[in-house]
Amino acid sequence: MILDGQLRHFDTVERHRVVVAAPRADTIRATRETDFVHALLPLVRSIQEMRDVPASIRDIADRAGRLAPDTSFTLADALAGGFVLLGERRDRAILIGAIGKFWKPDFTFVPADPAEFRAFHEPKYVKLAAAFWTEAFGRDKSALRFEARAAATDETARTHLERWYRVVRPFTALFMRAALARIKAEAEAFHAASLTAVVP
């Protein structure tokens, strides 16, 4: 698995999967190009109306709710904003990562290239690696899988990570299900357009 090369051992993990009525190339293209802001806005509005939402999640929802209408956030934006591309396989997989103290409200990313990410062991930090990859699933279909792993660099960071993740996990699961649903819709639209283009 593409994740094993960068983060074989980890403290937390989150996995999701969706079947897409489109080939792998269209699915991975949609993964690269999907605007996650607009995928998540309906969920953001629901969270803003909930009570007892963790402060970190409410802060994300409030920031998203104040974004300009033309704001977008794709994987390219994530890479420009502090994530690093850790690996990719054409038409099959994308792996990104980041290093930080994610439980802090205003944390910053530690700059790192793939080799530095793999070797990073400075105390009190967490390394996060997230992969999207596709698998063949019958004729003209694919399965899109998402997995995010987080590994603490010491016991102090591990305590913070595990406490933080217990609180935010229900919401990150909602976010990722919404994101995969949007990718699925985009991939199926790409595939439908390609079929229309070849019809005489």
Protein backbone atom coordinates (compact mmCIF):
# COMPACT_ATOMS: atom_id res chain seq x y z
CA MET A 1 0.00 0.00 0.00
CA ILE A 2 1.23 3.49 -0.84
CA LEU A 3 0.83 4.60 2.79
CA ASP A 4 3.21 1.98 4.14
CA GLY A 5 6.19 3.60 2.47
CA GLN A 6 5.71 6.79 4.49
CA LEU A 7 3.82 5.86 7.66
CA ARG A 8 3.76 2.14 8.35
CA HIS A 9 3.24 2.53 12.12
CA PHE A 10 0.51 4.84 13.42
CA ASP A 11 -1.64 5.70 16.44
CA THR A 12 -4.96 6.57 14.79
CA VAL A 13 -6.50 5.64 11.46
CA GLU A 14 -9.63 6.54 9.53
CA ARG A 15 -10.88 4.65 6.47
CA HIS A 16 -13.73 5.23 4.01
CA ARG A 17 -14.76 3.70 0.68
CA VAL A 18 -17.23 4.45 -2.09
CA VAL A 19 -18.08 2.64 -5.33
CA VAL A 20 -18.04 4.91 -8.39
CA ALA A 21 -19.76 4.27 -11.71
CA ALA A 22 -16.68 5.45 -13.60
CA PRO A 23 -13.25 4.01 -14.46
CA ARG A 24 -10.22 4.58 -12.28
CA ALA A 25 -8.80 7.40 -14.42
CA ASP A 26 -11.98 9.48 -14.09
CA THR A 27 -12.17 8.76 -10.37
CA ILE A 28 -8.62 9.85 -9.61
CA ARG A 29 -9.10 12.92 -11.84
CA ALA A 30 -12.16 13.86 -9.80
CA THR A 31 -10.17 13.35 -6.61
CA ARG A 32 -7.60 15.86 -7.81
CA GLU A 33 -10.11 18.43 -9.07
CA THR A 34 -13.04 18.24 -6.64
CA ASP A 35 -13.77 21.41 -4.69
CA PHE A 36 -14.05 20.24 -1.10
CA VAL A 37 -15.43 23.57 0.13
CA HIS A 38 -18.64 23.17 -1.83
CA ALA A 39 -18.82 19.48 -0.99
CA LEU A 40 -18.84 20.32 2.70
CA LEU A 41 -20.90 23.52 2.88
CA PRO A 42 -24.25 21.75 3.52
CA LEU A 43 -22.60 19.82 6.35
CA VAL A 44 -20.99 23.01 7.67
CA ARG A 45 -24.40 24.67 7.91
CA SER A 46 -25.78 21.70 9.82
CA ILE A 47 -22.88 21.78 12.28
CA GLN A 48 -23.40 25.49 12.89
CA GLU A 49 -26.92 24.66 14.07
CA MET A 50 -25.84 21.85 16.42
CA ARG A 51 -25.26 22.17 20.13
CA ASP A 52 -22.29 20.69 21.99
CA VAL A 53 -20.00 20.77 18.96
CA PRO A 54 -16.26 20.63 19.82
CA ALA A 55 -14.63 24.05 19.63
CA SER A 56 -12.15 22.96 16.95
CA ILE A 57 -14.93 21.69 14.69
CA ARG A 58 -17.12 24.73 15.28
CA ASP A 59 -14.19 26.98 14.42
CA ILE A 60 -13.70 25.15 11.11
CA ALA A 61 -17.42 25.40 10.37
CA ASP A 62 -17.51 29.11 11.22
CA ARG A 63 -14.49 29.83 9.01
CA ALA A 64 -16.02 27.88 6.14
CA GLY A 65 -19.31 29.70 6.58
CA ARG A 66 -17.54 33.04 6.15
CA LEU A 67 -15.71 32.11 2.96
CA ALA A 68 -16.36 34.12 -0.18
CA PRO A 69 -18.78 32.41 -2.62
CA ASP A 70 -16.01 31.85 -5.19
CA THR A 71 -13.62 30.21 -2.70
CA SER A 72 -12.53 26.69 -3.55
CA PHE A 73 -10.29 24.09 -1.94
CA THR A 74 -8.82 21.25 -3.97
CA LEU A 75 -5.89 18.92 -3.34
CA ALA A 76 -3.71 21.47 -5.13
CA ASP A 77 -4.82 24.10 -2.60
CA ALA A 78 -3.97 21.71 0.25
CA LEU A 79 -0.47 21.29 -1.16
CA ALA A 80 -0.08 25.05 -1.54
CA GLY A 81 -1.25 25.53 2.05
CA GLY A 82 1.25 23.32 3.85
CA PHE A 83 0.59 19.71 2.92
CA VAL A 84 3.27 17.89 0.95
CA LEU A 85 2.86 15.43 -1.90
CA LEU A 86 4.34 12.21 -0.53
CA GLY A 87 3.67 10.00 -3.52
CA GLU A 88 1.39 9.28 -6.44
CA ARG A 89 0.67 6.59 -9.00
CA ARG A 90 -0.81 7.72 -12.27
CA ASP A 91 -4.58 7.14 -12.47
CA ARG A 92 -4.41 5.11 -9.25
CA ALA A 93 -3.31 6.86 -6.06
CA ILE A 94 -2.38 10.14 -4.38
CA LEU A 95 -0.66 10.44 -0.99
CA ILE A 96 -0.34 13.72 0.90
CA GLY A 97 0.96 14.49 4.37
CA ALA A 98 1.57 17.15 6.97
CA ILE A 99 3.36 17.58 10.28
CA GLY A 100 1.91 19.68 13.07
CA LYS A 101 0.26 19.94 16.47
CA PHE A 102 -3.25 19.47 15.12
CA TRP A 103 -4.97 19.78 18.50
CA LYS A 104 -3.88 23.42 18.81
CA PRO A 105 -6.30 26.07 17.46
CA ASP A 106 -3.67 27.99 15.46
CA PHE A 107 -1.04 25.36 14.69
CA THR A 108 1.32 25.73 11.73
CA PHE A 109 2.69 23.02 9.48
CA VAL A 110 6.33 21.95 9.67
CA PRO A 111 7.81 22.28 6.16
CA ALA A 112 9.05 18.91 4.87
CA ASP A 113 9.70 17.09 1.63
CA PRO A 114 8.89 13.34 1.40
CA ALA A 115 12.29 12.25 2.74
CA GLU A 116 12.11 14.74 5.62
CA PHE A 117 8.56 13.67 6.41
CA ARG A 118 9.59 10.03 6.66
CA ALA A 119 12.59 10.83 8.88
CA PHE A 120 10.89 13.42 11.12
CA HIS A 121 10.95 12.49 14.83
CA GLU A 122 11.07 15.82 16.68
CA PRO A 123 9.14 15.47 19.97
CA LYS A 124 5.61 16.77 20.57
CA TYR A 125 4.45 16.57 16.95
CA VAL A 126 2.11 14.41 14.88
CA LYS A 127 2.70 13.18 11.35
CA LEU A 128 -0.46 12.84 9.25
CA ALA A 129 -0.56 10.93 5.96
CA ALA A 130 -3.72 10.66 3.86
CA ALA A 131 -4.18 8.59 0.72
CA PHE A 132 -6.82 8.36 -1.95
CA TRP A 133 -6.53 5.31 -4.18
CA THR A 134 -8.68 3.50 -6.72
CA GLU A 135 -9.33 -0.15 -7.43
CA ALA A 136 -11.06 -1.76 -10.39
CA PHE A 137 -14.64 -2.73 -9.58
CA GLY A 138 -16.31 -4.49 -12.48
CA ARG A 139 -16.84 -3.04 -15.92
CA ASP A 140 -16.42 0.75 -16.08
CA LYS A 141 -16.57 1.05 -12.30
CA SER A 142 -14.03 1.69 -9.58
CA ALA A 143 -13.80 1.71 -5.82
CA LEU A 144 -12.32 4.85 -4.28
CA ARG A 145 -10.68 4.34 -0.92
CA PHE A 146 -9.49 6.94 1.57
CA GLU A 147 -7.24 6.27 4.52
CA ALA A 148 -5.70 8.77 6.93
CA ARG A 149 -3.04 7.70 9.43
CA ALA A 150 -1.60 9.79 12.25
CA ALA A 151 1.51 8.99 14.24
CA ALA A 152 2.79 10.85 17.30
CA THR A 153 6.50 11.40 17.75
CA ASP A 154 6.43 10.91 21.54
CA GLU A 155 4.10 10.10 24.43
CA THR A 156 3.16 13.72 25.04
CA ALA A 157 1.99 14.15 21.45
CA ARG A 158 0.30 10.74 21.55
CA THR A 159 -1.78 11.76 24.57
CA HIS A 160 -2.86 14.99 22.84
CA LEU A 161 -3.59 13.18 19.57
CA GLU A 162 -5.70 10.44 21.09
CA ARG A 163 -7.72 12.89 23.22
CA TRP A 164 -8.26 15.24 20.26
CA TYR A 165 -9.17 12.44 17.85
CA ARG A 166 -11.78 10.94 20.19
CA VAL A 167 -13.56 14.29 20.13
CA VAL A 168 -13.32 15.12 16.42
CA ARG A 169 -13.61 11.65 14.88
CA PRO A 170 -17.43 11.69 14.40
CA PHE A 171 -17.10 14.95 12.50
CA THR A 172 -14.10 13.98 10.40
CA ALA A 173 -16.06 10.88 9.40
CA LEU A 174 -18.97 13.07 8.28
CA PHE A 175 -16.59 15.35 6.38
CA MET A 176 -14.95 12.50 4.52
CA ARG A 177 -18.22 10.79 3.60
CA ALA A 178 -19.44 14.08 2.15
CA ALA A 179 -16.15 14.60 0.33
CA LEU A 180 -16.21 11.11 -1.20
CA ALA A 181 -19.82 11.59 -2.27
CA ARG A 182 -18.79 14.76 -4.11
CA ILE A 183 -15.82 13.00 -5.76
CA LYS A 184 -18.12 10.17 -6.84
CA ALA A 185 -20.56 12.63 -8.45
CA GLU A 186 -17.75 14.47 -10.24
CA ALA A 187 -16.15 11.26 -11.52
CA GLU A 188 -19.45 9.94 -12.83
CA ALA A 189 -20.05 13.28 -14.58
CA PHE A 190 -16.60 13.06 -16.22
CA HIS A 191 -17.35 9.53 -17.39
CA ALA A 192 -20.80 10.45 -18.74
CA ALA A 193 -19.27 13.36 -20.66
CA SER A 194 -16.64 11.08 -22.20
CA LEU A 195 -19.31 8.64 -23.35
CA THR A 196 -21.34 11.45 -24.90
CA ALA A 197 -18.24 12.75 -26.68
CA VAL A 198 -17.66 9.48 -28.54
CA VAL A 199 -21.26 8.98 -29.63
CA PRO A 200 -21.49 9.80 -33.40
